Amino acid sequence: MNIDTQSVRVAAGEPEETTELDANKKTPSRKPGLAVDVLRLIIDVVALPASTHDHEAGIALLDHAAGLCGMRVERVLVDQGF
């Protein structure tokens, strides 16, 4: 399984209550997290505020993906932020 997140700028007109400021890009953003299998098929997706750290998305994705896979997740590839 592979896990990653990316900060995505929100469209103009989005309510400020549902977005947060990305510390690096200085723009209102959201951070979707994605878990895929070895065939690059999507296992799970989470949407978090842009200010959350990657490890929080990783914990949420692993917990949910482990439940979906019957607790049989053997290896997870992540980058340094996780």
N, C-alpha and C. Protein backbone atom coordinates (compact mmCIF):
# COMPACT_ATOMS: atom_id res chain seq x y z
N MET A 1 0.85 -1.16 0.00
CA MET A 1 0.00 0.00 0.00
C MET A 1 0.90 1.23 0.00
N ASN A 2 0.47 2.26 -0.67
CA ASN A 2 1.18 3.52 -0.76
C ASN A 2 0.26 4.62 -0.23
N ILE A 3 0.81 5.51 0.62
CA ILE A 3 0.03 6.60 1.21
C ILE A 3 0.72 7.92 0.92
N ASP A 4 -0.07 8.93 0.52
CA ASP A 4 0.48 10.26 0.30
C ASP A 4 -0.62 11.31 0.44
N THR A 5 -0.21 12.54 0.69
CA THR A 5 -1.14 13.67 0.76
C THR A 5 -0.62 14.78 -0.15
N GLN A 6 -1.52 15.67 -0.49
CA GLN A 6 -1.15 16.81 -1.31
C GLN A 6 -2.05 17.98 -0.94
N SER A 7 -1.48 19.14 -0.79
CA SER A 7 -2.26 20.33 -0.48
C SER A 7 -2.88 20.86 -1.77
N VAL A 8 -4.20 21.06 -1.75
CA VAL A 8 -4.94 21.49 -2.93
C VAL A 8 -5.62 22.82 -2.64
N ARG A 9 -5.38 23.79 -3.48
CA ARG A 9 -6.00 25.10 -3.31
C ARG A 9 -7.51 24.99 -3.56
N VAL A 10 -8.29 25.65 -2.73
CA VAL A 10 -9.74 25.59 -2.87
C VAL A 10 -10.22 26.62 -3.89
N ALA A 11 -11.39 26.39 -4.43
CA ALA A 11 -11.97 27.29 -5.42
C ALA A 11 -12.40 28.59 -4.76
N ALA A 12 -12.46 29.64 -5.53
CA ALA A 12 -12.93 30.93 -5.04
C ALA A 12 -14.38 30.80 -4.60
N GLY A 13 -14.71 31.43 -3.50
CA GLY A 13 -16.08 31.38 -3.01
C GLY A 13 -16.36 30.30 -1.99
N GLU A 14 -15.37 29.43 -1.72
CA GLU A 14 -15.55 28.41 -0.69
C GLU A 14 -15.65 29.07 0.67
N PRO A 15 -16.50 28.57 1.57
CA PRO A 15 -16.61 29.17 2.90
C PRO A 15 -15.31 29.03 3.68
N GLU A 16 -14.95 30.06 4.41
CA GLU A 16 -13.71 30.05 5.18
C GLU A 16 -13.73 29.01 6.30
N GLU A 17 -14.93 28.59 6.73
CA GLU A 17 -15.03 27.61 7.80
C GLU A 17 -14.54 26.23 7.37
N THR A 18 -14.56 25.94 6.07
CA THR A 18 -14.18 24.62 5.59
C THR A 18 -12.76 24.57 5.04
N THR A 19 -12.05 25.67 5.09
CA THR A 19 -10.68 25.70 4.58
C THR A 19 -9.74 26.24 5.65
N GLU A 20 -8.47 25.96 5.49
CA GLU A 20 -7.44 26.51 6.37
C GLU A 20 -6.27 26.98 5.52
N LEU A 21 -5.45 27.80 6.11
CA LEU A 21 -4.31 28.35 5.40
C LEU A 21 -3.17 27.35 5.40
N ASP A 22 -2.66 27.04 4.22
CA ASP A 22 -1.50 26.17 4.10
C ASP A 22 -0.27 26.97 4.51
N ALA A 23 0.48 26.49 5.48
CA ALA A 23 1.62 27.23 6.01
C ALA A 23 2.71 27.45 4.96
N ASN A 24 2.90 26.52 4.05
CA ASN A 24 3.96 26.66 3.04
C ASN A 24 3.52 27.52 1.86
N LYS A 25 2.30 27.32 1.39
CA LYS A 25 1.85 28.03 0.19
C LYS A 25 1.16 29.35 0.49
N LYS A 26 0.78 29.57 1.75
CA LYS A 26 0.10 30.81 2.16
C LYS A 26 -1.21 31.04 1.40
N THR A 27 -1.90 29.95 1.06
CA THR A 27 -3.18 30.04 0.36
C THR A 27 -4.20 29.17 1.08
N PRO A 28 -5.49 29.50 0.98
CA PRO A 28 -6.51 28.64 1.57
C PRO A 28 -6.56 27.30 0.84
N SER A 29 -6.45 26.22 1.60
CA SER A 29 -6.32 24.90 0.98
C SER A 29 -6.98 23.82 1.82
N ARG A 30 -7.07 22.65 1.21
CA ARG A 30 -7.43 21.40 1.88
C ARG A 30 -6.35 20.39 1.56
N LYS A 31 -6.28 19.33 2.36
CA LYS A 31 -5.25 18.32 2.15
C LYS A 31 -5.90 16.94 2.05
N PRO A 32 -6.13 16.45 0.83
CA PRO A 32 -6.64 15.09 0.71
C PRO A 32 -5.50 14.08 0.89
N GLY A 33 -5.82 12.98 1.57
CA GLY A 33 -4.88 11.88 1.72
C GLY A 33 -5.40 10.69 0.96
N LEU A 34 -4.51 9.94 0.34
CA LEU A 34 -4.91 8.85 -0.53
C LEU A 34 -4.10 7.60 -0.21
N ALA A 35 -4.78 6.47 -0.11
CA ALA A 35 -4.12 5.17 0.06
C ALA A 35 -4.45 4.33 -1.16
N VAL A 36 -3.42 3.79 -1.81
CA VAL A 36 -3.61 2.94 -3.00
C VAL A 36 -2.88 1.63 -2.80
N ASP A 37 -3.33 0.59 -3.53
CA ASP A 37 -2.65 -0.70 -3.44
C ASP A 37 -1.56 -0.78 -4.51
N VAL A 38 -0.96 -1.97 -4.65
CA VAL A 38 0.16 -2.12 -5.59
C VAL A 38 -0.26 -1.96 -7.04
N LEU A 39 -1.54 -2.12 -7.33
CA LEU A 39 -2.04 -1.92 -8.69
C LEU A 39 -2.53 -0.49 -8.91
N ARG A 40 -2.29 0.36 -7.91
CA ARG A 40 -2.71 1.77 -7.90
C ARG A 40 -4.23 1.94 -7.90
N LEU A 41 -4.91 0.97 -7.31
CA LEU A 41 -6.35 1.07 -7.11
C LEU A 41 -6.58 1.74 -5.77
N ILE A 42 -7.53 2.65 -5.71
CA ILE A 42 -7.77 3.42 -4.50
C ILE A 42 -8.38 2.54 -3.42
N ILE A 43 -7.77 2.58 -2.23
CA ILE A 43 -8.29 1.88 -1.06
C ILE A 43 -9.10 2.82 -0.20
N ASP A 44 -8.57 4.03 0.05
CA ASP A 44 -9.24 4.96 0.94
C ASP A 44 -8.79 6.38 0.64
N VAL A 45 -9.68 7.34 0.96
CA VAL A 45 -9.39 8.77 0.79
C VAL A 45 -9.89 9.50 2.04
N VAL A 46 -9.07 10.42 2.55
CA VAL A 46 -9.50 11.29 3.64
C VAL A 46 -9.24 12.74 3.22
N ALA A 47 -10.09 13.64 3.67
CA ALA A 47 -9.91 15.07 3.39
C ALA A 47 -9.71 15.78 4.72
N LEU A 48 -8.58 16.47 4.85
CA LEU A 48 -8.22 17.14 6.09
C LEU A 48 -7.94 18.61 5.83
N PRO A 49 -7.96 19.43 6.87
CA PRO A 49 -7.55 20.83 6.71
C PRO A 49 -6.08 20.89 6.29
N ALA A 50 -5.71 21.92 5.56
CA ALA A 50 -4.35 22.04 5.03
C ALA A 50 -3.30 22.17 6.12
N SER A 51 -3.69 22.61 7.30
CA SER A 51 -2.70 22.81 8.36
C SER A 51 -2.35 21.53 9.12
N THR A 52 -3.07 20.43 8.88
CA THR A 52 -2.75 19.19 9.59
C THR A 52 -1.48 18.57 9.05
N HIS A 53 -0.78 17.86 9.92
CA HIS A 53 0.48 17.22 9.55
C HIS A 53 0.18 15.90 8.83
N ASP A 54 1.11 15.48 7.98
CA ASP A 54 0.92 14.26 7.21
C ASP A 54 0.71 13.03 8.08
N HIS A 55 1.37 12.97 9.24
CA HIS A 55 1.24 11.76 10.06
C HIS A 55 -0.19 11.57 10.57
N GLU A 56 -0.96 12.64 10.74
CA GLU A 56 -2.36 12.51 11.14
C GLU A 56 -3.18 11.88 10.02
N ALA A 57 -2.91 12.26 8.78
CA ALA A 57 -3.58 11.64 7.64
C ALA A 57 -3.17 10.17 7.52
N GLY A 58 -1.90 9.89 7.77
CA GLY A 58 -1.41 8.51 7.71
C GLY A 58 -2.10 7.62 8.72
N ILE A 59 -2.27 8.11 9.93
CA ILE A 59 -2.94 7.32 10.97
C ILE A 59 -4.38 7.03 10.57
N ALA A 60 -5.08 8.06 10.09
CA ALA A 60 -6.48 7.88 9.67
C ALA A 60 -6.58 6.89 8.51
N LEU A 61 -5.70 7.03 7.53
CA LEU A 61 -5.73 6.12 6.37
C LEU A 61 -5.39 4.69 6.76
N LEU A 62 -4.38 4.51 7.60
CA LEU A 62 -4.00 3.15 8.01
C LEU A 62 -5.09 2.47 8.81
N ASP A 63 -5.70 3.20 9.74
CA ASP A 63 -6.77 2.62 10.54
C ASP A 63 -7.93 2.15 9.67
N HIS A 64 -8.34 3.00 8.75
CA HIS A 64 -9.48 2.65 7.90
C HIS A 64 -9.11 1.57 6.89
N ALA A 65 -7.93 1.67 6.29
CA ALA A 65 -7.51 0.68 5.29
C ALA A 65 -7.31 -0.69 5.92
N ALA A 66 -6.79 -0.74 7.13
CA ALA A 66 -6.61 -2.02 7.82
C ALA A 66 -7.96 -2.67 8.07
N GLY A 67 -8.96 -1.89 8.42
CA GLY A 67 -10.31 -2.43 8.60
C GLY A 67 -10.89 -2.96 7.30
N LEU A 68 -10.66 -2.24 6.20
CA LEU A 68 -11.18 -2.67 4.90
C LEU A 68 -10.46 -3.92 4.38
N CYS A 69 -9.19 -4.05 4.71
CA CYS A 69 -8.38 -5.17 4.21
C CYS A 69 -8.36 -6.34 5.18
N GLY A 70 -9.17 -6.30 6.20
CA GLY A 70 -9.20 -7.40 7.15
C GLY A 70 -7.94 -7.49 7.99
N MET A 71 -7.35 -6.33 8.32
CA MET A 71 -6.13 -6.26 9.14
C MET A 71 -4.95 -7.00 8.49
N ARG A 72 -4.89 -7.04 7.15
CA ARG A 72 -3.83 -7.76 6.45
C ARG A 72 -2.88 -6.83 5.71
N VAL A 73 -2.69 -5.63 6.17
CA VAL A 73 -1.74 -4.72 5.53
C VAL A 73 -0.34 -5.15 5.96
N GLU A 74 0.51 -5.52 4.99
CA GLU A 74 1.84 -6.02 5.31
C GLU A 74 2.91 -4.94 5.18
N ARG A 75 2.82 -4.11 4.15
CA ARG A 75 3.82 -3.07 3.91
C ARG A 75 3.14 -1.80 3.46
N VAL A 76 3.71 -0.68 3.91
CA VAL A 76 3.19 0.62 3.52
C VAL A 76 4.36 1.48 3.09
N LEU A 77 4.27 2.08 1.90
CA LEU A 77 5.30 2.98 1.39
C LEU A 77 4.85 4.40 1.63
N VAL A 78 5.68 5.18 2.31
CA VAL A 78 5.37 6.57 2.62
C VAL A 78 6.63 7.40 2.42
N ASP A 79 6.46 8.74 2.38
CA ASP A 79 7.62 9.60 2.30
C ASP A 79 8.02 10.06 3.71
N GLN A 80 9.01 10.91 3.80
CA GLN A 80 9.58 11.30 5.08
C GLN A 80 8.59 12.02 5.99
N GLY A 81 7.60 12.69 5.47
CA GLY A 81 6.65 13.42 6.28
C GLY A 81 5.78 12.56 7.16
N PHE A 82 5.66 11.29 6.84
CA PHE A 82 4.83 10.38 7.63
C PHE A 82 5.62 9.77 8.74
